[in-house]
Amino acid sequence: QVQLVETGGGLVQSGGSLRLSCAASGLTFDSYAMAWFRQAPGKEREFVSAISWSGSYTNYADSVKGRFTISRDNAKNTVSLQMNSLKPEDMAVYYCAAKRAYTGDVSVKYDYNYWGQGTQVTVSS
């Protein structure tokens, strides 16, 4: 059974930082591309960032470029998202997702095979 478990969410002031982590089990982790999506109340789930199985390729939404950094540790089956200079508009539930191949448009949520339960990020202004 595949499980993706996100941790690290919380309350932070505008301009602050948080680091999200996602621990994966039940899958051959280094065969999967990994990504972070987020969903704010009343909005569609949107792409944040993705990383290839080796970590050689990354992709970011324009709204987070230069502020967020995705990374992975295949030895520990984890993927992380370092979020700096947080803004109120970054407030959302953040989801970890796994996809079998880093091909096509990595921002398409329907192409992801597995999802975590999400972790809340709250940014106060």
PDB file of N, CA and C in Angstrom:
ATOM      1  N   GLN A   1       0.847  -1.194   0.000  1.00  0.00           N
ATOM      2  CA  GLN A   1       0.000   0.000   0.000  1.00  0.00           C
ATOM      3  C   GLN A   1       0.881   1.242   0.000  1.00  0.00           C
ATOM      4  N   VAL A   2       0.638   2.108  -0.962  1.00  0.00           N
ATOM      5  CA  VAL A   2       1.426   3.330  -1.073  1.00  0.00           C
ATOM      6  C   VAL A   2       0.915   4.372  -0.074  1.00  0.00           C
ATOM      7  N   GLN A   3       1.860   4.980   0.619  1.00  0.00           N
ATOM      8  CA  GLN A   3       1.517   6.076   1.529  1.00  0.00           C
ATOM      9  C   GLN A   3       2.462   7.241   1.311  1.00  0.00           C
ATOM     10  N   LEU A   4       1.883   8.414   1.252  1.00  0.00           N
ATOM     11  CA  LEU A   4       2.644   9.664   1.220  1.00  0.00           C
ATOM     12  C   LEU A   4       2.167  10.481   2.406  1.00  0.00           C
ATOM     13  N   VAL A   5       3.086  10.829   3.294  1.00  0.00           N
ATOM     14  CA  VAL A   5       2.720  11.532   4.518  1.00  0.00           C
ATOM     15  C   VAL A   5       3.478  12.852   4.594  1.00  0.00           C
ATOM     16  N   GLU A   6       2.720  13.948   4.549  1.00  0.00           N
ATOM     17  CA  GLU A   6       3.318  15.283   4.613  1.00  0.00           C
ATOM     18  C   GLU A   6       3.413  15.759   6.060  1.00  0.00           C
ATOM     19  N   THR A   7       4.486  16.462   6.352  1.00  0.00           N
ATOM     20  CA  THR A   7       4.672  17.098   7.653  1.00  0.00           C
ATOM     21  C   THR A   7       5.319  18.463   7.438  1.00  0.00           C
ATOM     22  N   GLY A   8       5.261  19.282   8.491  1.00  0.00           N
ATOM     23  CA  GLY A   8       5.975  20.551   8.462  1.00  0.00           C
ATOM     24  C   GLY A   8       5.112  21.772   8.281  1.00  0.00           C
ATOM     25  N   GLY A   9       3.832  21.579   8.064  1.00  0.00           N
ATOM     26  CA  GLY A   9       2.960  22.732   7.928  1.00  0.00           C
ATOM     27  C   GLY A   9       2.803  23.452   9.255  1.00  0.00           C
ATOM     28  N   GLY A  10       2.211  24.634   9.200  1.00  0.00           N
ATOM     29  CA  GLY A  10       1.993  25.394  10.423  1.00  0.00           C
ATOM     30  C   GLY A  10       1.677  26.835  10.133  1.00  0.00           C
ATOM     31  N   LEU A  11       1.771  27.647  11.187  1.00  0.00           N
ATOM     32  CA  LEU A  11       1.479  29.082  11.100  1.00  0.00           C
ATOM     33  C   LEU A  11       2.783  29.852  11.057  1.00  0.00           C
ATOM     34  N   VAL A  12       2.890  30.762  10.110  1.00  0.00           N
ATOM     35  CA  VAL A  12       4.096  31.573   9.979  1.00  0.00           C
ATOM     36  C   VAL A  12       3.688  32.985   9.575  1.00  0.00           C
ATOM     37  N   GLN A  13       4.501  33.934   9.968  1.00  0.00           N
ATOM     38  CA  GLN A  13       4.232  35.317   9.564  1.00  0.00           C
ATOM     39  C   GLN A  13       4.671  35.551   8.128  1.00  0.00           C
ATOM     40  N   SER A  14       4.046  36.525   7.515  1.00  0.00           N
ATOM     41  CA  SER A  14       4.439  36.919   6.173  1.00  0.00           C
ATOM     42  C   SER A  14       5.935  37.254   6.152  1.00  0.00           C
ATOM     43  N   GLY A  15       6.639  36.710   5.150  1.00  0.00           N
ATOM     44  CA  GLY A  15       8.075  36.901   5.067  1.00  0.00           C
ATOM     45  C   GLY A  15       8.874  35.789   5.705  1.00  0.00           C
ATOM     46  N   GLY A  16       8.197  34.914   6.431  1.00  0.00           N
ATOM     47  CA  GLY A  16       8.860  33.828   7.123  1.00  0.00           C
ATOM     48  C   GLY A  16       9.088  32.619   6.231  1.00  0.00           C
ATOM     49  N   SER A  17       9.569  31.546   6.850  1.00  0.00           N
ATOM     50  CA  SER A  17       9.917  30.328   6.125  1.00  0.00           C
ATOM     51  C   SER A  17       9.315  29.096   6.791  1.00  0.00           C
ATOM     52  N   LEU A  18       9.076  28.094   5.977  1.00  0.00           N
ATOM     53  CA  LEU A  18       8.665  26.771   6.438  1.00  0.00           C
ATOM     54  C   LEU A  18       9.304  25.741   5.536  1.00  0.00           C
ATOM     55  N   ARG A  19       9.504  24.555   6.083  1.00  0.00           N
ATOM     56  CA  ARG A  19      10.012  23.437   5.292  1.00  0.00           C
ATOM     57  C   ARG A  19       9.033  22.280   5.411  1.00  0.00           C
ATOM     58  N   LEU A  20       8.462  21.893   4.296  1.00  0.00           N
ATOM     59  CA  LEU A  20       7.553  20.748   4.250  1.00  0.00           C
ATOM     60  C   LEU A  20       8.338  19.504   3.852  1.00  0.00           C
ATOM     61  N   SER A  21       7.940  18.380   4.407  1.00  0.00           N
ATOM     62  CA  SER A  21       8.534  17.101   4.030  1.00  0.00           C
ATOM     63  C   SER A  21       7.434  16.104   3.711  1.00  0.00           C
ATOM     64  N   CYS A  22       7.754  15.167   2.853  1.00  0.00           N
ATOM     65  CA  CYS A  22       6.825  14.106   2.483  1.00  0.00           C
ATOM     66  C   CYS A  22       7.589  12.793   2.537  1.00  0.00           C
ATOM     67  N   ALA A  23       7.110  11.885   3.371  1.00  0.00           N
ATOM     68  CA  ALA A  23       7.730  10.568   3.491  1.00  0.00           C
ATOM     69  C   ALA A  23       6.904   9.567   2.703  1.00  0.00           C
ATOM     70  N   ALA A  24       7.561   8.841   1.827  1.00  0.00           N
ATOM     71  CA  ALA A  24       6.885   7.888   0.963  1.00  0.00           C
ATOM     72  C   ALA A  24       7.203   6.459   1.380  1.00  0.00           C
ATOM     73  N   SER A  25       6.202   5.600   1.239  1.00  0.00           N
ATOM     74  CA  SER A  25       6.401   4.179   1.499  1.00  0.00           C
ATOM     75  C   SER A  25       5.504   3.381   0.569  1.00  0.00           C
ATOM     76  N   GLY A  26       5.879   2.123   0.349  1.00  0.00           N
ATOM     77  CA  GLY A  26       5.056   1.248  -0.483  1.00  0.00           C
ATOM     78  C   GLY A  26       5.271   1.401  -1.975  1.00  0.00           C
ATOM     79  N   LEU A  27       6.268   2.169  -2.382  1.00  0.00           N
ATOM     80  CA  LEU A  27       6.565   2.327  -3.801  1.00  0.00           C
ATOM     81  C   LEU A  27       8.069   2.416  -3.984  1.00  0.00           C
ATOM     82  N   THR A  28       8.508   2.151  -5.187  1.00  0.00           N
ATOM     83  CA  THR A  28       9.925   2.276  -5.507  1.00  0.00           C
ATOM     84  C   THR A  28      10.198   3.751  -5.726  1.00  0.00           C
ATOM     85  N   PHE A  29      10.571   4.408  -4.656  1.00  0.00           N
ATOM     86  CA  PHE A  29      10.589   5.865  -4.626  1.00  0.00           C
ATOM     87  C   PHE A  29      11.425   6.466  -5.742  1.00  0.00           C
ATOM     88  N   ASP A  30      12.590   5.908  -5.991  1.00  0.00           N
ATOM     89  CA  ASP A  30      13.475   6.532  -6.978  1.00  0.00           C
ATOM     90  C   ASP A  30      13.061   6.234  -8.418  1.00  0.00           C
ATOM     91  N   SER A  31      11.882   5.636  -8.592  1.00  0.00           N
ATOM     92  CA  SER A  31      11.317   5.464  -9.925  1.00  0.00           C
ATOM     93  C   SER A  31      10.211   6.471 -10.206  1.00  0.00           C
ATOM     94  N   TYR A  32       9.932   7.317  -9.235  1.00  0.00           N
ATOM     95  CA  TYR A  32       8.809   8.245  -9.347  1.00  0.00           C
ATOM     96  C   TYR A  32       9.272   9.692  -9.344  1.00  0.00           C
ATOM     97  N   ALA A  33       8.670  10.468 -10.202  1.00  0.00           N
ATOM     98  CA  ALA A  33       8.760  11.912 -10.081  1.00  0.00           C
ATOM     99  C   ALA A  33       7.859  12.325  -8.926  1.00  0.00           C
ATOM    100  N   MET A  34       8.256  13.367  -8.222  1.00  0.00           N
ATOM    101  CA  MET A  34       7.487  13.836  -7.072  1.00  0.00           C
ATOM    102  C   MET A  34       7.132  15.299  -7.254  1.00  0.00           C
ATOM    103  N   ALA A  35       6.037  15.686  -6.643  1.00  0.00           N
ATOM    104  CA  ALA A  35       5.582  17.065  -6.808  1.00  0.00           C
ATOM    105  C   ALA A  35       4.851  17.548  -5.573  1.00  0.00           C
ATOM    106  N   TRP A  36       4.731  18.861  -5.498  1.00  0.00           N
ATOM    107  CA  TRP A  36       3.901  19.515  -4.490  1.00  0.00           C
ATOM    108  C   TRP A  36       2.813  20.310  -5.220  1.00  0.00           C
ATOM    109  N   PHE A  37       1.611  20.161  -4.728  1.00  0.00           N
ATOM    110  CA  PHE A  37       0.475  20.950  -5.169  1.00  0.00           C
ATOM    111  C   PHE A  37      -0.097  21.641  -3.933  1.00  0.00           C
ATOM    112  N   ARG A  38      -0.949  22.620  -4.165  1.00  0.00           N
ATOM    113  CA  ARG A  38      -1.610  23.268  -3.025  1.00  0.00           C
ATOM    114  C   ARG A  38      -3.036  23.629  -3.404  1.00  0.00           C
ATOM    115  N   GLN A  39      -3.857  23.751  -2.382  1.00  0.00           N
ATOM    116  CA  GLN A  39      -5.259  24.102  -2.603  1.00  0.00           C
ATOM    117  C   GLN A  39      -5.721  25.042  -1.511  1.00  0.00           C
ATOM    118  N   ALA A  40      -6.111  26.229  -1.930  1.00  0.00           N
ATOM    119  CA  ALA A  40      -6.675  27.214  -1.019  1.00  0.00           C
ATOM    120  C   ALA A  40      -8.190  27.049  -0.997  1.00  0.00           C
ATOM    121  N   PRO A  41      -8.859  27.508   0.060  1.00  0.00           N
ATOM    122  CA  PRO A  41     -10.317  27.369   0.152  1.00  0.00           C
ATOM    123  C   PRO A  41     -11.015  27.979  -1.057  1.00  0.00           C
ATOM    124  N   GLY A  42     -11.907  27.207  -1.657  1.00  0.00           N
ATOM    125  CA  GLY A  42     -12.680  27.697  -2.775  1.00  0.00           C
ATOM    126  C   GLY A  42     -11.946  27.738  -4.098  1.00  0.00           C
ATOM    127  N   LYS A  43     -10.734  27.228  -4.111  1.00  0.00           N
ATOM    128  CA  LYS A  43      -9.934  27.253  -5.341  1.00  0.00           C
ATOM    129  C   LYS A  43      -9.564  25.846  -5.780  1.00  0.00           C
ATOM    130  N   GLU A  44      -9.169  25.746  -7.051  1.00  0.00           N
ATOM    131  CA  GLU A  44      -8.701  24.473  -7.585  1.00  0.00           C
ATOM    132  C   GLU A  44      -7.328  24.131  -7.012  1.00  0.00           C
ATOM    133  N   ARG A  45      -7.051  22.843  -6.961  1.00  0.00           N
ATOM    134  CA  ARG A  45      -5.710  22.423  -6.566  1.00  0.00           C
ATOM    135  C   ARG A  45      -4.729  22.836  -7.668  1.00  0.00           C
ATOM    136  N   GLU A  46      -3.650  23.483  -7.265  1.00  0.00           N
ATOM    137  CA  GLU A  46      -2.714  24.002  -8.256  1.00  0.00           C
ATOM    138  C   GLU A  46      -1.299  23.480  -8.043  1.00  0.00           C
ATOM    139  N   PHE A  47      -0.583  23.422  -9.131  1.00  0.00           N
ATOM    140  CA  PHE A  47       0.796  22.952  -9.125  1.00  0.00           C
ATOM    141  C   PHE A  47       1.713  23.952  -8.444  1.00  0.00           C
ATOM    142  N   VAL A  48       2.659  23.432  -7.670  1.00  0.00           N
ATOM    143  CA  VAL A  48       3.666  24.275  -7.025  1.00  0.00           C
ATOM    144  C   VAL A  48       5.058  23.958  -7.568  1.00  0.00           C
ATOM    145  N   SER A  49       5.433  22.670  -7.506  1.00  0.00           N
ATOM    146  CA  SER A  49       6.782  22.307  -7.922  1.00  0.00           C
ATOM    147  C   SER A  49       6.860  20.812  -8.153  1.00  0.00           C
ATOM    148  N   ALA A  50       7.806  20.397  -9.003  1.00  0.00           N
ATOM    149  CA  ALA A  50       8.034  18.978  -9.270  1.00  0.00           C
ATOM    150  C   ALA A  50       9.528  18.715  -9.395  1.00  0.00           C
ATOM    151  N   ILE A  51       9.886  17.452  -9.163  1.00  0.00           N
ATOM    152  CA  ILE A  51      11.292  17.049  -9.259  1.00  0.00           C
ATOM    153  C   ILE A  51      11.360  15.663  -9.883  1.00  0.00           C
ATOM    154  N   SER A  52      12.320  15.458 -10.756  1.00  0.00           N
ATOM    155  CA  SER A  52      12.474  14.167 -11.420  1.00  0.00           C
ATOM    156  C   SER A  52      12.996  13.116 -10.451  1.00  0.00           C
ATOM    157  N   TRP A  53      12.994  11.867 -10.878  1.00  0.00           N
ATOM    158  CA  TRP A  53      13.364  10.770  -9.985  1.00  0.00           C
ATOM    159  C   TRP A  53      14.784  10.931  -9.455  1.00  0.00           C
ATOM    160  N   SER A  54      15.664  11.472 -10.287  1.00  0.00           N
ATOM    161  CA  SER A  54      17.066  11.616  -9.882  1.00  0.00           C
ATOM    162  C   SER A  54      17.333  12.940  -9.175  1.00  0.00           C
ATOM    163  N   GLY A  55      16.397  13.855  -9.284  1.00  0.00           N
ATOM    164  CA  GLY A  55      16.611  15.197  -8.742  1.00  0.00           C
ATOM    165  C   GLY A  55      17.285  16.136  -9.715  1.00  0.00           C
ATOM    166  N   SER A  56      17.583  15.643 -10.908  1.00  0.00           N
ATOM    167  CA  SER A  56      18.303  16.458 -11.886  1.00  0.00           C
ATOM    168  C   SER A  56      17.436  17.548 -12.505  1.00  0.00           C
ATOM    169  N   TYR A  57      16.143  17.317 -12.530  1.00  0.00           N
ATOM    170  CA  TYR A  57      15.237  18.277 -13.157  1.00  0.00           C
ATOM    171  C   TYR A  57      14.201  18.734 -12.146  1.00  0.00           C
ATOM    172  N   THR A  58      13.957  20.031 -12.154  1.00  0.00           N
ATOM    173  CA  THR A  58      12.930  20.601 -11.295  1.00  0.00           C
ATOM    174  C   THR A  58      12.087  21.568 -12.098  1.00  0.00           C
ATOM    175  N   ASN A  59      10.908  21.833 -11.575  1.00  0.00           N
ATOM    176  CA  ASN A  59       9.974  22.719 -12.245  1.00  0.00           C
ATOM    177  C   ASN A  59       9.191  23.467 -11.171  1.00  0.00           C
ATOM    178  N   TYR A  60       8.939  24.752 -11.403  1.00  0.00           N
ATOM    179  CA  TYR A  60       8.227  25.560 -10.411  1.00  0.00           C
ATOM    180  C   TYR A  60       7.126  26.380 -11.066  1.00  0.00           C
ATOM    181  N   ALA A  61       6.063  26.585 -10.322  1.00  0.00           N
ATOM    182  CA  ALA A  61       5.054  27.549 -10.749  1.00  0.00           C
ATOM    183  C   ALA A  61       5.673  28.946 -10.701  1.00  0.00           C
ATOM    184  N   ASP A  62       5.240  29.798 -11.599  1.00  0.00           N
ATOM    185  CA  ASP A  62       5.800  31.156 -11.639  1.00  0.00           C
ATOM    186  C   ASP A  62       5.629  31.875 -10.309  1.00  0.00           C
ATOM    187  N   SER A  63       4.544  31.591  -9.633  1.00  0.00           N
ATOM    188  CA  SER A  63       4.231  32.298  -8.387  1.00  0.00           C
ATOM    189  C   SER A  63       5.198  31.986  -7.245  1.00  0.00           C
ATOM    190  N   VAL A  64       5.964  30.894  -7.378  1.00  0.00           N
ATOM    191  CA  VAL A  64       6.867  30.515  -6.282  1.00  0.00           C
ATOM    192  C   VAL A  64       8.338  30.507  -6.694  1.00  0.00           C
ATOM    193  N   LYS A  65       8.612  30.755  -7.958  1.00  0.00           N
ATOM    194  CA  LYS A  65      10.001  30.746  -8.431  1.00  0.00           C
ATOM    195  C   LYS A  65      10.844  31.744  -7.658  1.00  0.00           C
ATOM    196  N   GLY A  66      12.021  31.288  -7.254  1.00  0.00           N
ATOM    197  CA  GLY A  66      12.922  32.146  -6.501  1.00  0.00           C
ATOM    198  C   GLY A  66      12.654  32.160  -5.009  1.00  0.00           C
ATOM    199  N   ARG A  67      11.525  31.605  -4.588  1.00  0.00           N
ATOM    200  CA  ARG A  67      11.193  31.583  -3.149  1.00  0.00           C
ATOM    201  C   ARG A  67      11.148  30.162  -2.606  1.00  0.00           C
ATOM    202  N   PHE A  68      10.703  29.212  -3.420  1.00  0.00           N
ATOM    203  CA  PHE A  68      10.560  27.820  -2.984  1.00  0.00           C
ATOM    204  C   PHE A  68      11.632  26.966  -3.658  1.00  0.00           C
ATOM    205  N   THR A  69      12.069  25.931  -2.940  1.00  0.00           N
ATOM    206  CA  THR A  69      13.043  24.985  -3.481  1.00  0.00           C
ATOM    207  C   THR A  69      12.606  23.567  -3.152  1.00  0.00           C
ATOM    208  N   ILE A  70      12.513  22.747  -4.186  1.00  0.00           N
ATOM    209  CA  ILE A  70      12.153  21.343  -4.000  1.00  0.00           C
ATOM    210  C   ILE A  70      13.424  20.503  -4.014  1.00  0.00           C
ATOM    211  N   SER A  71      13.439  19.464  -3.205  1.00  0.00           N
ATOM    212  CA  SER A  71      14.582  18.559  -3.166  1.00  0.00           C
ATOM    213  C   SER A  71      14.095  17.172  -2.766  1.00  0.00           C
ATOM    214  N   ARG A  72      14.929  16.176  -2.977  1.00  0.00           N
ATOM    215  CA  ARG A  72      14.551  14.819  -2.590  1.00  0.00           C
ATOM    216  C   ARG A  72      15.778  14.077  -2.078  1.00  0.00           C
ATOM    217  N   ASP A  73      15.509  13.090  -1.228  1.00  0.00           N
ATOM    218  CA  ASP A  73      16.542  12.208  -0.710  1.00  0.00           C
ATOM    219  C   ASP A  73      16.079  10.787  -0.980  1.00  0.00           C
ATOM    220  N   ASN A  74      16.593  10.173  -2.018  1.00  0.00           N
ATOM    221  CA  ASN A  74      16.136   8.835  -2.396  1.00  0.00           C
ATOM    222  C   ASN A  74      16.561   7.776  -1.384  1.00  0.00           C
ATOM    223  N   ALA A  75      17.591   8.045  -0.615  1.00  0.00           N
ATOM    224  CA  ALA A  75      18.002   7.099   0.421  1.00  0.00           C
ATOM    225  C   ALA A  75      16.999   7.062   1.568  1.00  0.00           C
ATOM    226  N   LYS A  76      16.306   8.176   1.774  1.00  0.00           N
ATOM    227  CA  LYS A  76      15.337   8.264   2.879  1.00  0.00           C
ATOM    228  C   LYS A  76      13.896   8.263   2.394  1.00  0.00           C
ATOM    229  N   ASN A  77      13.702   8.156   1.081  1.00  0.00           N
ATOM    230  CA  ASN A  77      12.350   8.168   0.502  1.00  0.00           C
ATOM    231  C   ASN A  77      11.567   9.415   0.906  1.00  0.00           C
ATOM    232  N   THR A  78      12.230  10.547   0.815  1.00  0.00           N
ATOM    233  CA  THR A  78      11.562  11.791   1.178  1.00  0.00           C
ATOM    234  C   THR A  78      11.730  12.854   0.102  1.00  0.00           C
ATOM    235  N   VAL A  79      10.765  13.721   0.025  1.00  0.00           N
ATOM    236  CA  VAL A  79      10.836  14.911  -0.819  1.00  0.00           C
ATOM    237  C   VAL A  79      10.472  16.100   0.066  1.00  0.00           C
ATOM    238  N   SER A  80      11.168  17.200  -0.138  1.00  0.00           N
ATOM    239  CA  SER A  80      10.971  18.369   0.704  1.00  0.00           C
ATOM    240  C   SER A  80      10.678  19.605  -0.136  1.00  0.00           C
ATOM    241  N   LEU A  81      10.070  20.574   0.512  1.00  0.00           N
ATOM    242  CA  LEU A  81       9.805  21.858  -0.117  1.00  0.00           C
ATOM    243  C   LEU A  81      10.193  22.942   0.875  1.00  0.00           C
ATOM    244  N   GLN A  82      11.272  23.634   0.571  1.00  0.00           N
ATOM    245  CA  GLN A  82      11.698  24.762   1.385  1.00  0.00           C
ATOM    246  C   GLN A  82      10.992  26.007   0.876  1.00  0.00           C
ATOM    247  N   MET A  83      10.238  26.654   1.754  1.00  0.00           N
ATOM    248  CA  MET A  83       9.449  27.809   1.363  1.00  0.00           C
ATOM    249  C   MET A  83       9.950  29.032   2.119  1.00  0.00           C
ATOM    250  N   ASN A  84      10.479  29.985   1.381  1.00  0.00           N
ATOM    251  CA  ASN A  84      10.982  31.217   1.960  1.00  0.00           C
ATOM    252  C   ASN A  84      10.143  32.404   1.493  1.00  0.00           C
ATOM    253  N   SER A  85      10.286  33.505   2.198  1.00  0.00           N
ATOM    254  CA  SER A  85       9.574  34.734   1.842  1.00  0.00           C
ATOM    255  C   SER A  85       8.088  34.472   1.627  1.00  0.00           C
ATOM    256  N   LEU A  86       7.491  33.772   2.552  1.00  0.00           N
ATOM    257  CA  LEU A  86       6.093  33.385   2.409  1.00  0.00           C
ATOM    258  C   LEU A  86       5.178  34.597   2.392  1.00  0.00           C
ATOM    259  N   LYS A  87       4.129  34.481   1.597  1.00  0.00           N
ATOM    260  CA  LYS A  87       3.138  35.543   1.433  1.00  0.00           C
ATOM    261  C   LYS A  87       1.778  35.016   1.851  1.00  0.00           C
ATOM    262  N   PRO A  88       0.860  35.899   2.196  1.00  0.00           N
ATOM    263  CA  PRO A  88      -0.497  35.436   2.543  1.00  0.00           C
ATOM    264  C   PRO A  88      -1.137  34.596   1.442  1.00  0.00           C
ATOM    265  N   GLU A  89      -0.813  34.888   0.199  1.00  0.00           N
ATOM    266  CA  GLU A  89      -1.398  34.122  -0.899  1.00  0.00           C
ATOM    267  C   GLU A  89      -0.818  32.710  -1.030  1.00  0.00           C
ATOM    268  N   ASP A  90       0.204  32.403  -0.266  1.00  0.00           N
ATOM    269  CA  ASP A  90       0.740  31.036  -0.240  1.00  0.00           C
ATOM    270  C   ASP A  90      -0.050  30.141   0.709  1.00  0.00           C
ATOM    271  N   MET A  91      -0.949  30.728   1.467  1.00  0.00           N
ATOM    272  CA  MET A  91      -1.716  29.974   2.444  1.00  0.00           C
ATOM    273  C   MET A  91      -2.632  28.974   1.740  1.00  0.00           C
ATOM    274  N   ALA A  92      -2.486  27.698   2.116  1.00  0.00           N
ATOM    275  CA  ALA A  92      -3.235  26.628   1.468  1.00  0.00           C
ATOM    276  C   ALA A  92      -2.924  25.311   2.173  1.00  0.00           C
ATOM    277  N   VAL A  93      -3.637  24.276   1.762  1.00  0.00           N
ATOM    278  CA  VAL A  93      -3.236  22.915   2.126  1.00  0.00           C
ATOM    279  C   VAL A  93      -2.271  22.441   1.041  1.00  0.00           C
ATOM    280  N   TYR A  94      -1.115  21.955   1.468  1.00  0.00           N
ATOM    281  CA  TYR A  94      -0.083  21.507   0.542  1.00  0.00           C
ATOM    282  C   TYR A  94      -0.077  19.981   0.483  1.00  0.00           C
ATOM    283  N   TYR A  95      -0.090  19.468  -0.747  1.00  0.00           N
ATOM    284  CA  TYR A  95      -0.150  18.035  -0.991  1.00  0.00           C
ATOM    285  C   TYR A  95       1.104  17.556  -1.713  1.00  0.00           C
ATOM    286  N   CYS A  96       1.568  16.415  -1.294  1.00  0.00           N
ATOM    287  CA  CYS A  96       2.651  15.708  -1.964  1.00  0.00           C
ATOM    288  C   CYS A  96       2.023  14.726  -2.958  1.00  0.00           C
ATOM    289  N   ALA A  97       2.654  14.553  -4.125  1.00  0.00           N
ATOM    290  CA  ALA A  97       2.121  13.648  -5.128  1.00  0.00           C
ATOM    291  C   ALA A  97       3.254  12.916  -5.840  1.00  0.00           C
ATOM    292  N   ALA A  98       2.939  11.714  -6.328  1.00  0.00           N
ATOM    293  CA  ALA A  98       3.927  10.889  -7.021  1.00  0.00           C
ATOM    294  C   ALA A  98       3.406  10.506  -8.399  1.00  0.00           C
ATOM    295  N   LYS A  99       4.321  10.533  -9.360  1.00  0.00           N
ATOM    296  CA  LYS A  99       3.979  10.240 -10.747  1.00  0.00           C
ATOM    297  C   LYS A  99       5.041   9.313 -11.303  1.00  0.00           C
ATOM    298  N   ARG A 100       4.622   8.352 -12.116  1.00  0.00           N
ATOM    299  CA  ARG A 100       5.554   7.314 -12.552  1.00  0.00           C
ATOM    300  C   ARG A 100       6.664   7.806 -13.462  1.00  0.00           C
ATOM    301  N   ALA A 101       6.451   8.920 -14.149  1.00  0.00           N
ATOM    302  CA  ALA A 101       7.501   9.394 -15.057  1.00  0.00           C
ATOM    303  C   ALA A 101       7.501  10.908 -15.116  1.00  0.00           C
ATOM    304  N   TYR A 102       8.676  11.475 -15.218  1.00  0.00           N
ATOM    305  CA  TYR A 102       8.823  12.929 -15.316  1.00  0.00           C
ATOM    306  C   TYR A 102       8.727  13.308 -16.790  1.00  0.00           C
ATOM    307  N   THR A 103       7.542  13.094 -17.336  1.00  0.00           N
ATOM    308  CA  THR A 103       7.332  13.374 -18.755  1.00  0.00           C
ATOM    309  C   THR A 103       6.058  14.176 -18.924  1.00  0.00           C
ATOM    310  N   GLY A 104       5.916  14.769 -20.079  1.00  0.00           N
ATOM    311  CA  GLY A 104       4.728  15.567 -20.325  1.00  0.00           C
ATOM    312  C   GLY A 104       4.722  16.821 -19.455  1.00  0.00           C
ATOM    313  N   ASP A 105       3.563  17.307 -19.211  1.00  0.00           N
ATOM    314  CA  ASP A 105       3.396  18.510 -18.407  1.00  0.00           C
ATOM    315  C   ASP A 105       3.293  18.111 -16.944  1.00  0.00           C
ATOM    316  N   VAL A 106       4.351  18.354 -16.179  1.00  0.00           N
ATOM    317  CA  VAL A 106       4.391  17.888 -14.785  1.00  0.00           C
ATOM    318  C   VAL A 106       3.435  18.668 -13.898  1.00  0.00           C
ATOM    319  N   SER A 107       2.825  19.721 -14.422  1.00  0.00           N
ATOM    320  CA  SER A 107       1.890  20.509 -13.621  1.00  0.00           C
ATOM    321  C   SER A 107       0.462  19.983 -13.676  1.00  0.00           C
ATOM    322  N   VAL A 108       0.223  18.951 -14.468  1.00  0.00           N
ATOM    323  CA  VAL A 108      -1.131  18.407 -14.613  1.00  0.00           C
ATOM    324  C   VAL A 108      -1.419  17.441 -13.467  1.00  0.00           C
ATOM    325  N   LYS A 109      -2.338  17.827 -12.595  1.00  0.00           N
ATOM    326  CA  LYS A 109      -2.562  17.019 -11.391  1.00  0.00           C
ATOM    327  C   LYS A 109      -3.163  15.657 -11.717  1.00  0.00           C
ATOM    328  N   TYR A 110      -3.887  15.552 -12.818  1.00  0.00           N
ATOM    329  CA  TYR A 110      -4.562  14.289 -13.135  1.00  0.00           C
ATOM    330  C   TYR A 110      -3.574  13.194 -13.528  1.00  0.00           C
ATOM    331  N   ASP A 111      -2.337  13.550 -13.825  1.00  0.00           N
ATOM    332  CA  ASP A 111      -1.335  12.567 -14.220  1.00  0.00           C
ATOM    333  C   ASP A 111      -0.636  11.919 -13.031  1.00  0.00           C
ATOM    334  N   TYR A 112      -0.934  12.373 -11.835  1.00  0.00           N
ATOM    335  CA  TYR A 112      -0.250  11.844 -10.649  1.00  0.00           C
ATOM    336  C   TYR A 112      -1.001  10.648 -10.097  1.00  0.00           C
ATOM    337  N   ASN A 113      -0.234   9.638  -9.740  1.00  0.00           N
ATOM    338  CA  ASN A 113      -0.808   8.355  -9.353  1.00  0.00           C
ATOM    339  C   ASN A 113      -1.170   8.280  -7.869  1.00  0.00           C
ATOM    340  N   TYR A 114      -0.382   8.958  -7.032  1.00  0.00           N
ATOM    341  CA  TYR A 114      -0.589   8.863  -5.582  1.00  0.00           C
ATOM    342  C   TYR A 114      -0.515  10.244  -4.947  1.00  0.00           C
ATOM    343  N   TRP A 115      -1.295  10.405  -3.868  1.00  0.00           N
ATOM    344  CA  TRP A 115      -1.390  11.678  -3.168  1.00  0.00           C
ATOM    345  C   TRP A 115      -1.311  11.475  -1.669  1.00  0.00           C
ATOM    346  N   GLY A 116      -0.752  12.464  -0.997  1.00  0.00           N
ATOM    347  CA  GLY A 116      -0.797  12.483   0.452  1.00  0.00           C
ATOM    348  C   GLY A 116      -2.085  13.120   0.934  1.00  0.00           C
ATOM    349  N   GLN A 117      -2.201  13.218   2.263  1.00  0.00           N
ATOM    350  CA  GLN A 117      -3.428  13.754   2.855  1.00  0.00           C
ATOM    351  C   GLN A 117      -3.389  15.268   3.007  1.00  0.00           C
ATOM    352  N   GLY A 118      -2.224  15.845   2.849  1.00  0.00           N
ATOM    353  CA  GLY A 118      -2.088  17.296   2.903  1.00  0.00           C
ATOM    354  C   GLY A 118      -1.654  17.820   4.256  1.00  0.00           C
ATOM    355  N   THR A 119      -1.024  18.986   4.233  1.00  0.00           N
ATOM    356  CA  THR A 119      -0.622  19.678   5.451  1.00  0.00           C
ATOM    357  C   THR A 119      -0.935  21.162   5.289  1.00  0.00           C
ATOM    358  N   GLN A 120      -1.484  21.761   6.328  1.00  0.00           N
ATOM    359  CA  GLN A 120      -1.949  23.144   6.249  1.00  0.00           C
ATOM    360  C   GLN A 120      -0.795  24.116   6.447  1.00  0.00           C
ATOM    361  N   VAL A 121      -0.720  25.092   5.571  1.00  0.00           N
ATOM    362  CA  VAL A 121       0.218  26.206   5.720  1.00  0.00           C
ATOM    363  C   VAL A 121      -0.612  27.478   5.861  1.00  0.00           C
ATOM    364  N   THR A 122      -0.415  28.171   6.974  1.00  0.00           N
ATOM    365  CA  THR A 122      -1.132  29.408   7.239  1.00  0.00           C
ATOM    366  C   THR A 122      -0.124  30.540   7.345  1.00  0.00           C
ATOM    367  N   VAL A 123      -0.343  31.600   6.586  1.00  0.00           N
ATOM    368  CA  VAL A 123       0.559  32.746   6.582  1.00  0.00           C
ATOM    369  C   VAL A 123      -0.211  33.959   7.053  1.00  0.00           C
ATOM    370  N   SER A 124       0.233  34.540   8.148  1.00  0.00           N
ATOM    371  CA  SER A 124      -0.432  35.725   8.689  1.00  0.00           C
ATOM    372  C   SER A 124       0.233  36.985   8.142  1.00  0.00           C
ATOM    373  N   SER A 125      -0.597  37.967   7.858  1.00  0.00           N
ATOM    374  CA  SER A 125      -0.064  39.224   7.282  1.00  0.00           C
ATOM    375  C   SER A 125       0.267  40.234   8.371  1.00  0.00           C
TER     376      SER A 125
END
